[in-house]
C-alpha cells in the first residue's frame, strides 16, 4: 500500500463522512451551528485521523491516530443517537450512516488490536 486511500477503512470512513453530510443537510436550520456542525466535524475527524495515522512513520504514531479516529466514532455514534431521538430525520435515513459507522469501528478496533500484538 502506498497511500491511505488504499485502506478499506479510509474508504469506508470517507463514505461515512459524505453520508453524514447528506443526513445533516436535512436537520433543522436551528442546528446549523449545533449538532449539524458537531456531527460533521466528528465524522471528518475519523477519516482525517486515519489518513494522518497511515502517513506517520512509527507504529506508535500510527496507533495514536487510529485510536483518536476510533474515539471519534463514539462521538459520531452518540450524536447520531441524539439527532435520531430528537427526530431530525426519518429513522430509515440513519441506516446507511449507522451501518458504515459499525464497519469503520470494527475495522479500527481490529487494526488497533493487531498493532498491540506487535509490541
N, C-alpha and C. Protein backbone atom coordinates (compact mmCIF):
# COMPACT_ATOMS: atom_id res chain seq x y z
N UNK A 1 0.84 -1.19 0.00
CA UNK A 1 0.00 0.00 0.00
C UNK A 1 0.88 1.24 0.00
N UNK A 2 0.54 2.15 -0.85
CA UNK A 2 1.35 3.36 -0.95
C UNK A 2 0.62 4.61 -0.47
N UNK A 3 -0.68 4.49 -0.27
CA UNK A 3 -1.47 5.66 0.11
C UNK A 3 -2.56 5.26 1.10
N UNK A 4 -2.91 6.19 1.95
CA UNK A 4 -4.03 5.95 2.87
C UNK A 4 -5.31 5.67 2.10
N UNK A 5 -5.40 6.16 0.86
CA UNK A 5 -6.60 5.94 0.04
C UNK A 5 -6.76 4.48 -0.34
N UNK A 6 -5.71 3.70 -0.17
CA UNK A 6 -5.77 2.26 -0.45
C UNK A 6 -6.42 1.49 0.70
N UNK A 7 -6.49 2.09 1.87
CA UNK A 7 -7.07 1.43 3.04
C UNK A 7 -8.59 1.34 2.91
N UNK A 8 -9.12 0.15 3.11
CA UNK A 8 -10.57 -0.02 3.06
C UNK A 8 -11.23 0.80 4.16
N UNK A 9 -10.61 0.85 5.33
CA UNK A 9 -11.18 1.61 6.45
C UNK A 9 -11.25 3.10 6.11
N UNK A 10 -10.25 3.61 5.37
CA UNK A 10 -10.30 5.01 4.97
C UNK A 10 -11.45 5.23 3.99
N UNK A 11 -11.58 4.33 3.01
CA UNK A 11 -12.66 4.47 2.01
C UNK A 11 -14.04 4.41 2.67
N UNK A 12 -14.20 3.50 3.62
CA UNK A 12 -15.49 3.38 4.32
C UNK A 12 -15.75 4.63 5.17
N UNK A 13 -14.73 5.14 5.82
CA UNK A 13 -14.92 6.34 6.65
C UNK A 13 -15.16 7.57 5.78
N UNK A 14 -14.58 7.59 4.60
CA UNK A 14 -14.83 8.69 3.65
C UNK A 14 -16.30 8.66 3.21
N UNK A 15 -16.78 7.45 2.92
CA UNK A 15 -18.20 7.29 2.55
C UNK A 15 -19.10 7.67 3.73
N UNK A 16 -18.72 7.28 4.93
CA UNK A 16 -19.47 7.65 6.13
C UNK A 16 -19.57 9.17 6.25
N UNK A 17 -18.46 9.85 6.04
CA UNK A 17 -18.44 11.31 6.16
C UNK A 17 -19.39 11.95 5.14
N UNK A 18 -19.36 11.47 3.91
CA UNK A 18 -20.27 12.00 2.90
C UNK A 18 -21.72 11.73 3.28
N UNK A 19 -21.98 10.55 3.82
CA UNK A 19 -23.35 10.21 4.25
C UNK A 19 -23.80 11.09 5.40
N UNK A 20 -22.90 11.40 6.32
CA UNK A 20 -23.21 12.30 7.44
C UNK A 20 -23.57 13.69 6.90
N UNK A 21 -22.83 14.16 5.91
CA UNK A 21 -23.14 15.46 5.31
C UNK A 21 -24.52 15.45 4.66
N UNK A 22 -24.84 14.36 3.97
CA UNK A 22 -26.18 14.25 3.35
C UNK A 22 -27.26 14.27 4.42
N UNK A 23 -27.06 13.47 5.45
CA UNK A 23 -28.04 13.34 6.52
C UNK A 23 -28.25 14.67 7.25
N UNK A 24 -27.15 15.31 7.63
CA UNK A 24 -27.27 16.55 8.40
C UNK A 24 -27.81 17.70 7.56
N UNK A 25 -27.76 17.57 6.25
CA UNK A 25 -28.37 18.57 5.37
C UNK A 25 -29.87 18.65 5.56
N UNK A 26 -30.45 17.62 6.17
CA UNK A 26 -31.89 17.58 6.43
C UNK A 26 -32.25 18.07 7.83
N UNK A 27 -31.25 18.31 8.66
CA UNK A 27 -31.51 18.75 10.02
C UNK A 27 -32.10 20.16 10.02
N UNK A 28 -32.79 20.52 11.09
CA UNK A 28 -33.35 21.88 11.17
C UNK A 28 -32.26 22.95 11.06
N UNK A 29 -32.61 24.05 10.47
CA UNK A 29 -31.68 25.18 10.30
C UNK A 29 -31.15 25.66 11.65
N UNK A 30 -31.96 25.52 12.68
CA UNK A 30 -31.54 25.96 14.02
C UNK A 30 -30.36 25.14 14.55
N UNK A 31 -30.08 23.99 13.94
CA UNK A 31 -28.97 23.13 14.37
C UNK A 31 -27.71 23.34 13.54
N UNK A 32 -27.73 24.30 12.63
CA UNK A 32 -26.59 24.53 11.75
C UNK A 32 -25.29 24.70 12.52
N UNK A 33 -25.33 25.43 13.61
CA UNK A 33 -24.11 25.67 14.40
C UNK A 33 -24.05 24.78 15.63
N UNK A 34 -24.99 23.87 15.75
CA UNK A 34 -25.02 22.96 16.87
C UNK A 34 -24.68 21.55 16.44
N UNK A 35 -25.68 20.69 16.49
CA UNK A 35 -25.47 19.27 16.22
C UNK A 35 -25.01 19.00 14.79
N UNK A 36 -25.48 19.76 13.84
CA UNK A 36 -25.04 19.56 12.44
C UNK A 36 -23.53 19.76 12.34
N UNK A 37 -23.05 20.87 12.85
CA UNK A 37 -21.62 21.18 12.80
C UNK A 37 -20.81 20.16 13.59
N UNK A 38 -21.28 19.81 14.77
CA UNK A 38 -20.55 18.88 15.64
C UNK A 38 -20.44 17.49 15.00
N UNK A 39 -21.54 17.02 14.43
CA UNK A 39 -21.56 15.70 13.81
C UNK A 39 -20.66 15.66 12.58
N UNK A 40 -20.69 16.70 11.80
CA UNK A 40 -19.82 16.77 10.62
C UNK A 40 -18.36 16.80 11.03
N UNK A 41 -18.01 17.57 12.03
CA UNK A 41 -16.62 17.65 12.48
C UNK A 41 -16.13 16.31 13.02
N UNK A 42 -17.00 15.61 13.75
CA UNK A 42 -16.61 14.30 14.30
C UNK A 42 -16.37 13.30 13.17
N UNK A 43 -17.23 13.32 12.14
CA UNK A 43 -17.05 12.40 11.01
C UNK A 43 -15.78 12.73 10.24
N UNK A 44 -15.52 14.00 10.04
CA UNK A 44 -14.29 14.41 9.35
C UNK A 44 -13.07 14.01 10.17
N UNK A 45 -13.19 14.06 11.48
CA UNK A 45 -12.08 13.66 12.35
C UNK A 45 -11.73 12.19 12.16
N UNK A 46 -12.73 11.34 11.97
CA UNK A 46 -12.47 9.92 11.78
C UNK A 46 -11.60 9.70 10.54
N UNK A 47 -12.08 10.18 9.41
CA UNK A 47 -11.37 9.95 8.14
C UNK A 47 -10.01 10.66 8.12
N UNK A 48 -9.94 11.84 8.70
CA UNK A 48 -8.67 12.60 8.71
C UNK A 48 -7.62 11.93 9.58
N UNK A 49 -8.01 11.41 10.73
CA UNK A 49 -7.04 10.76 11.61
C UNK A 49 -6.57 9.42 11.06
N UNK A 50 -7.42 8.74 10.30
CA UNK A 50 -6.97 7.52 9.63
C UNK A 50 -5.90 7.88 8.59
N UNK A 51 -6.15 8.92 7.82
CA UNK A 51 -5.18 9.36 6.81
C UNK A 51 -3.86 9.77 7.48
N UNK A 52 -3.95 10.55 8.54
CA UNK A 52 -2.74 11.01 9.20
C UNK A 52 -1.99 9.86 9.85
N UNK A 53 -2.73 8.94 10.48
CA UNK A 53 -2.10 7.79 11.11
C UNK A 53 -1.35 6.93 10.11
N UNK A 54 -1.93 6.73 8.95
CA UNK A 54 -1.26 5.95 7.91
C UNK A 54 0.03 6.62 7.47
N UNK A 55 0.01 7.94 7.43
CA UNK A 55 1.15 8.70 6.92
C UNK A 55 2.28 8.85 7.93
N UNK A 56 2.03 8.50 9.18
CA UNK A 56 3.09 8.58 10.19
C UNK A 56 4.07 7.44 10.02
N UNK A 57 5.29 7.65 10.47
CA UNK A 57 6.36 6.69 10.22
C UNK A 57 6.50 5.60 11.28
N UNK A 58 6.04 5.85 12.48
CA UNK A 58 6.23 4.85 13.54
C UNK A 58 4.91 4.16 13.88
N UNK A 59 5.02 2.93 14.35
CA UNK A 59 3.85 2.16 14.76
C UNK A 59 3.13 2.87 15.92
N UNK A 60 3.90 3.45 16.82
CA UNK A 60 3.32 4.16 17.96
C UNK A 60 2.44 5.33 17.48
N UNK A 61 2.94 6.08 16.50
CA UNK A 61 2.16 7.20 15.97
C UNK A 61 0.96 6.70 15.18
N UNK A 62 1.14 5.64 14.41
CA UNK A 62 0.01 5.05 13.69
C UNK A 62 -1.12 4.74 14.67
N UNK A 63 -0.74 4.02 15.71
CA UNK A 63 -1.72 3.60 16.71
C UNK A 63 -2.40 4.79 17.38
N UNK A 64 -1.63 5.82 17.67
CA UNK A 64 -2.18 7.02 18.32
C UNK A 64 -3.29 7.64 17.47
N UNK A 65 -3.03 7.82 16.18
CA UNK A 65 -4.03 8.46 15.32
C UNK A 65 -5.21 7.54 15.03
N UNK A 66 -4.95 6.23 14.89
CA UNK A 66 -6.06 5.30 14.70
C UNK A 66 -6.93 5.25 15.96
N UNK A 67 -6.29 5.39 17.11
CA UNK A 67 -7.03 5.43 18.37
C UNK A 67 -7.91 6.69 18.47
N UNK A 68 -7.38 7.81 18.03
CA UNK A 68 -8.17 9.05 18.00
C UNK A 68 -9.34 8.89 17.05
N UNK A 69 -9.11 8.28 15.90
CA UNK A 69 -10.18 8.03 14.93
C UNK A 69 -11.26 7.16 15.56
N UNK A 70 -10.82 6.13 16.29
CA UNK A 70 -11.78 5.25 16.96
C UNK A 70 -12.62 6.03 17.98
N UNK A 71 -11.96 6.89 18.74
CA UNK A 71 -12.69 7.72 19.70
C UNK A 71 -13.70 8.62 19.02
N UNK A 72 -13.34 9.13 17.87
CA UNK A 72 -14.28 9.99 17.13
C UNK A 72 -15.49 9.22 16.64
N UNK A 73 -15.34 7.91 16.42
CA UNK A 73 -16.51 7.12 16.02
C UNK A 73 -17.54 7.08 17.15
N UNK A 74 -17.06 7.13 18.39
CA UNK A 74 -18.00 7.17 19.52
C UNK A 74 -18.75 8.50 19.57
N UNK A 75 -18.05 9.57 19.20
CA UNK A 75 -18.72 10.87 19.10
C UNK A 75 -19.81 10.83 18.04
N UNK A 76 -19.46 10.29 16.87
CA UNK A 76 -20.43 10.20 15.78
C UNK A 76 -21.63 9.38 16.22
N UNK A 77 -21.37 8.25 16.86
CA UNK A 77 -22.45 7.37 17.30
C UNK A 77 -23.39 8.09 18.28
N UNK A 78 -22.81 8.77 19.25
CA UNK A 78 -23.60 9.49 20.26
C UNK A 78 -24.44 10.59 19.61
N UNK A 79 -23.84 11.33 18.71
CA UNK A 79 -24.55 12.43 18.06
C UNK A 79 -25.63 11.92 17.10
N UNK A 80 -25.39 10.79 16.47
CA UNK A 80 -26.44 10.18 15.63
C UNK A 80 -27.62 9.75 16.50
N UNK A 81 -27.32 9.13 17.63
CA UNK A 81 -28.39 8.71 18.54
C UNK A 81 -29.22 9.90 19.01
N UNK A 82 -28.54 10.97 19.37
CA UNK A 82 -29.23 12.17 19.84
C UNK A 82 -30.11 12.76 18.75
N UNK A 83 -29.55 12.92 17.56
CA UNK A 83 -30.33 13.53 16.47
C UNK A 83 -31.49 12.62 16.06
N UNK A 84 -31.30 11.34 16.16
CA UNK A 84 -32.38 10.38 15.84
C UNK A 84 -33.50 10.50 16.87
N UNK A 85 -33.12 10.54 18.14
CA UNK A 85 -34.12 10.67 19.21
C UNK A 85 -34.87 12.01 19.13
N UNK A 86 -34.19 13.03 18.64
CA UNK A 86 -34.83 14.34 18.51
C UNK A 86 -35.69 14.44 17.24
N UNK A 87 -35.63 13.41 16.40
CA UNK A 87 -36.45 13.36 15.20
C UNK A 87 -36.01 14.29 14.09
N UNK A 88 -34.70 14.50 13.97
CA UNK A 88 -34.19 15.42 12.96
C UNK A 88 -34.25 14.85 11.54
N UNK A 89 -34.38 13.54 11.43
CA UNK A 89 -34.54 12.90 10.12
C UNK A 89 -35.36 11.62 10.35
N UNK A 90 -35.89 11.10 9.29
CA UNK A 90 -36.67 9.86 9.37
C UNK A 90 -35.74 8.72 9.77
N UNK A 91 -36.17 7.85 10.69
CA UNK A 91 -35.28 6.77 11.17
C UNK A 91 -34.62 5.96 10.06
N UNK A 92 -35.29 5.70 8.97
CA UNK A 92 -34.71 4.93 7.88
C UNK A 92 -33.50 5.63 7.26
N UNK A 93 -33.47 6.96 7.36
CA UNK A 93 -32.38 7.72 6.76
C UNK A 93 -31.07 7.57 7.54
N UNK A 94 -31.15 7.01 8.72
CA UNK A 94 -29.96 6.81 9.55
C UNK A 94 -29.28 5.47 9.26
N UNK A 95 -29.96 4.57 8.61
CA UNK A 95 -29.46 3.20 8.44
C UNK A 95 -28.10 3.14 7.76
N UNK A 96 -27.91 3.84 6.66
CA UNK A 96 -26.63 3.77 5.95
C UNK A 96 -25.50 4.31 6.82
N UNK A 97 -25.74 5.44 7.49
CA UNK A 97 -24.71 6.01 8.36
C UNK A 97 -24.36 5.05 9.49
N UNK A 98 -25.39 4.47 10.10
CA UNK A 98 -25.15 3.55 11.21
C UNK A 98 -24.40 2.30 10.75
N UNK A 99 -24.74 1.80 9.58
CA UNK A 99 -24.08 0.61 9.05
C UNK A 99 -22.61 0.90 8.74
N UNK A 100 -22.34 2.01 8.07
CA UNK A 100 -20.96 2.40 7.77
C UNK A 100 -20.17 2.64 9.05
N UNK A 101 -20.79 3.29 10.01
CA UNK A 101 -20.12 3.56 11.28
C UNK A 101 -19.72 2.25 11.96
N UNK A 102 -20.59 1.28 11.96
CA UNK A 102 -20.29 -0.01 12.58
C UNK A 102 -19.12 -0.69 11.86
N UNK A 103 -19.11 -0.66 10.55
CA UNK A 103 -18.00 -1.24 9.78
C UNK A 103 -16.67 -0.57 10.12
N UNK A 104 -16.68 0.75 10.16
CA UNK A 104 -15.45 1.51 10.44
C UNK A 104 -14.96 1.20 11.85
N UNK A 105 -15.87 1.16 12.82
CA UNK A 105 -15.49 0.85 14.21
C UNK A 105 -14.84 -0.52 14.31
N UNK A 106 -15.44 -1.50 13.64
CA UNK A 106 -14.90 -2.86 13.68
C UNK A 106 -13.51 -2.91 13.05
N UNK A 107 -13.34 -2.24 11.93
CA UNK A 107 -12.04 -2.25 11.26
C UNK A 107 -10.97 -1.57 12.11
N UNK A 108 -11.31 -0.41 12.67
CA UNK A 108 -10.34 0.29 13.51
C UNK A 108 -10.01 -0.53 14.75
N UNK A 109 -11.00 -1.15 15.35
CA UNK A 109 -10.77 -1.98 16.52
C UNK A 109 -9.83 -3.13 16.18
N UNK A 110 -10.04 -3.74 15.04
CA UNK A 110 -9.18 -4.83 14.60
C UNK A 110 -7.75 -4.33 14.36
N UNK A 111 -7.62 -3.20 13.70
CA UNK A 111 -6.30 -2.63 13.43
C UNK A 111 -5.56 -2.32 14.74
N UNK A 112 -6.27 -1.76 15.69
CA UNK A 112 -5.65 -1.41 16.98
C UNK A 112 -5.26 -2.68 17.75
N UNK A 113 -6.12 -3.69 17.71
CA UNK A 113 -5.82 -4.94 18.41
C UNK A 113 -4.59 -5.61 17.82
N UNK A 114 -4.51 -5.65 16.49
CA UNK A 114 -3.37 -6.29 15.82
C UNK A 114 -2.08 -5.52 16.07
N UNK A 115 -2.16 -4.20 16.11
CA UNK A 115 -0.94 -3.43 16.32
C UNK A 115 -0.40 -3.59 17.73
N UNK A 116 -1.25 -3.88 18.70
CA UNK A 116 -0.78 -4.11 20.07
C UNK A 116 -0.02 -5.42 20.18
N UNK A 117 -0.36 -6.37 19.31
CA UNK A 117 0.35 -7.65 19.33
C UNK A 117 1.79 -7.52 18.87
N UNK A 118 2.10 -6.45 18.17
CA UNK A 118 3.46 -6.25 17.64
C UNK A 118 4.41 -5.62 18.64
N UNK A 119 3.92 -5.25 19.81
CA UNK A 119 4.80 -4.63 20.83
C UNK A 119 5.82 -5.59 21.36
